[in-house]
C-alpha atoms as a PDB file:
ATOM      1  CA  MET A   1       4.235   3.755  -4.250  1.00  0.00           C
ATOM      2  CA  TRP A   2       6.814   2.922  -6.746  1.00  0.00           C
ATOM      3  CA  VAL A   3       5.900   1.014 -10.336  1.00  0.00           C
ATOM      4  CA  LYS A   4       7.360  -2.545 -10.451  1.00  0.00           C
ATOM      5  CA  ASN A   5      10.808  -2.822 -11.611  1.00  0.00           C
ATOM      6  CA  SER A   6      11.050   0.092 -13.451  1.00  0.00           C
ATOM      7  CA  LYS A   7      13.912   1.549 -14.529  1.00  0.00           C
ATOM      8  CA  GLY A   8      12.612   5.376 -14.591  1.00  0.00           C
ATOM      9  CA  SER A   9      11.934   7.673 -11.399  1.00  0.00           C
ATOM     10  CA  ASP A  10       9.941   6.754  -9.207  1.00  0.00           C
ATOM     11  CA  ILE A  11       6.046   6.745  -9.178  1.00  0.00           C
ATOM     12  CA  LYS A  12       4.355   8.901  -6.667  1.00  0.00           C
ATOM     13  CA  VAL A  13       0.304   8.936  -5.909  1.00  0.00           C
ATOM     14  CA  TRP A  14      -1.068  11.472  -4.193  1.00  0.00           C
ATOM     15  CA  GLY A  15      -4.850  11.262  -3.659  1.00  0.00           C
ATOM     16  CA  SER A  16      -5.617   9.076  -7.009  1.00  0.00           C
ATOM     17  CA  SER A  17      -6.782   6.165  -5.337  1.00  0.00           C
ATOM     18  CA  LYS A  18      -8.889   5.299  -8.679  1.00  0.00           C
ATOM     19  CA  LEU A  19      -4.412   4.738  -9.899  1.00  0.00           C
ATOM     20  CA  VAL A  20      -3.426   3.422  -6.846  1.00  0.00           C
ATOM     21  CA  GLN A  21      -6.000   0.413  -7.820  1.00  0.00           C
ATOM     22  CA  LEU A  22      -5.127   0.531 -11.958  1.00  0.00           C
ATOM     23  CA  LEU A  23      -1.501  -0.420 -11.387  1.00  0.00           C
ATOM     24  CA  LEU A  24      -2.669  -3.093  -7.715  1.00  0.00           C
ATOM     25  CA  LYS A  25      -5.085  -4.974 -10.396  1.00  0.00           C
ATOM     26  CA  ASN A  26      -2.037  -4.553 -12.744  1.00  0.00           C
ATOM     27  CA  ASP A  27       0.385  -5.995 -10.582  1.00  0.00           C
ATOM     28  CA  LEU A  28       2.429  -3.293 -10.907  1.00  0.00           C
ATOM     29  CA  VAL A  29       3.303  -1.693  -7.161  1.00  0.00           C
ATOM     30  CA  ASP A  30       6.872  -2.818  -5.839  1.00  0.00           C
ATOM     31  CA  GLU A  31       6.387  -0.953  -2.641  1.00  0.00           C
ATOM     32  CA  LEU A  32       4.075   1.359  -0.830  1.00  0.00           C
ATOM     33  CA  TRP A  33       4.052   5.287   1.349  1.00  0.00           C
ATOM     34  CA  LEU A  34       1.180   4.636   3.104  1.00  0.00           C
ATOM     35  CA  LEU A  35      -0.012   7.976   5.892  1.00  0.00           C
ATOM     36  CA  ILE A  36      -3.209   6.131   7.910  1.00  0.00           C
ATOM     37  CA  TYR A  37      -5.101   8.970  10.009  1.00  0.00           C
ATOM     38  CA  PRO A  38      -6.418   7.869  13.398  1.00  0.00           C
ATOM     39  CA  LEU A  39     -10.224   8.915  11.990  1.00  0.00           C
ATOM     40  CA  THR A  40     -13.418   6.813  10.824  1.00  0.00           C
ATOM     41  CA  LEU A  41     -15.448   8.419   8.809  1.00  0.00           C
ATOM     42  CA  GLY A  42     -17.960   5.105   6.859  1.00  0.00           C
ATOM     43  CA  GLN A  43     -18.186   5.358   4.738  1.00  0.00           C
ATOM     44  CA  GLY A  44     -16.081   6.688   1.299  1.00  0.00           C
ATOM     45  CA  LYS A  45     -13.000   5.087  -1.261  1.00  0.00           C
ATOM     46  CA  LYS A  46     -11.242   1.934  -1.306  1.00  0.00           C
ATOM     47  CA  LEU A  47      -7.547   2.266  -1.546  1.00  0.00           C
ATOM     48  CA  PHE A  48      -7.105  -1.827  -1.688  1.00  0.00           C
ATOM     49  CA  ALA A  49     -11.110  -2.113  -4.199  1.00  0.00           C
ATOM     50  CA  ASP A  50     -11.803  -5.565  -5.523  1.00  0.00           C
ATOM     51  CA  GLY A  51      -9.370  -7.222  -8.725  1.00  0.00           C
ATOM     52  CA  ALA A  52      -5.878  -6.255  -6.185  1.00  0.00           C
ATOM     53  CA  ILE A  53      -4.101  -9.347  -7.074  1.00  0.00           C
ATOM     54  CA  PRO A  54      -3.634 -10.528  -3.280  1.00  0.00           C
ATOM     55  CA  THR A  55       0.296  -9.730  -2.748  1.00  0.00           C
ATOM     56  CA  ALA A  56       2.630  -9.876   0.787  1.00  0.00           C
ATOM     57  CA  TYR A  57       4.383  -6.307   1.576  1.00  0.00           C
ATOM     58  CA  THR A  58       6.511  -6.282   4.625  1.00  0.00           C
ATOM     59  CA  LEU A  59       7.155  -3.402   7.079  1.00  0.00           C
ATOM     60  CA  VAL A  60      10.548  -1.755   6.442  1.00  0.00           C
ATOM     61  CA  GLU A  61       9.518   1.579   8.575  1.00  0.00           C
ATOM     62  CA  SER A  62       7.195   3.253  10.451  1.00  0.00           C
ATOM     63  CA  ILE A  63       6.889   5.906  12.452  1.00  0.00           C
ATOM     64  CA  VAL A  64       3.585   7.834  13.969  1.00  0.00           C
ATOM     65  CA  ILE A  65       4.350  11.990  14.117  1.00  0.00           C
ATOM     66  CA  PRO A  66       2.712  13.859  17.277  1.00  0.00           C
ATOM     67  CA  SER A  67      -1.094  13.567  15.970  1.00  0.00           C
ATOM     68  CA  GLY A  68      -1.808  10.412  15.714  1.00  0.00           C
ATOM     69  CA  VAL A  69      -0.666  10.408  11.380  1.00  0.00           C
ATOM     70  CA  ILE A  70       1.576   6.656  10.795  1.00  0.00           C
ATOM     71  CA  ILE A  71       3.022   7.052   8.493  1.00  0.00           C
ATOM     72  CA  VAL A  72       3.846   2.813   7.185  1.00  0.00           C
ATOM     73  CA  ASN A  73       6.622   1.791   4.492  1.00  0.00           C
ATOM     74  CA  TYR A  74       5.816  -1.647   2.718  1.00  0.00           C
ATOM     75  CA  LYS A  75       8.169  -3.487   0.021  1.00  0.00           C
ATOM     76  CA  ARG A  76       6.299  -6.558  -1.782  1.00  0.00           C
ATOM     77  CA  ILE A  77       7.458  -9.954  -0.855  1.00  0.00           C
ATOM     78  CA  GLY A  78       6.215 -12.226  -2.798  1.00  0.00           C
ATOM     79  CA  GLU A  79       2.148 -14.333  -3.062  1.00  0.00           C
ATOM     80  CA  VAL A  80       0.698 -14.668  -0.180  1.00  0.00           C
ATOM     81  CA  ARG A  81       0.869 -17.056   2.578  1.00  0.00           C
ATOM     82  CA  THR A  82      -1.831 -17.939   4.828  1.00  0.00           C
ATOM     83  CA  GLY A  83      -1.673 -19.242   8.205  1.00  0.00           C
ATOM     84  CA  THR A  84      -2.026 -18.237  11.765  1.00  0.00           C
ATOM     85  CA  ILE A  85      -1.052 -14.878  12.812  1.00  0.00           C
ATOM     86  CA  GLY A  86       2.535 -15.017  14.391  1.00  0.00           C
ATOM     87  CA  THR A  87       3.453 -17.423  11.257  1.00  0.00           C
END
């Protein structure tokens, strides 16, 4: 995760959903790298909690590793536009 329009070093967040939520709530994210694991817990911490500003991202890169973990890189493209699938 990188802080929006910063001139300094990137901020990388590992495992702190509270910090990620704070950055999303304050519209400070330009890019997301997410690791998606093939399991469900039924409960737990939410990365995208109440207060996150609706934002559209586009997929830049994706990798599926042999264990089934999906690594994705999304870059911000602006405001959310609603529509139908494929538009």
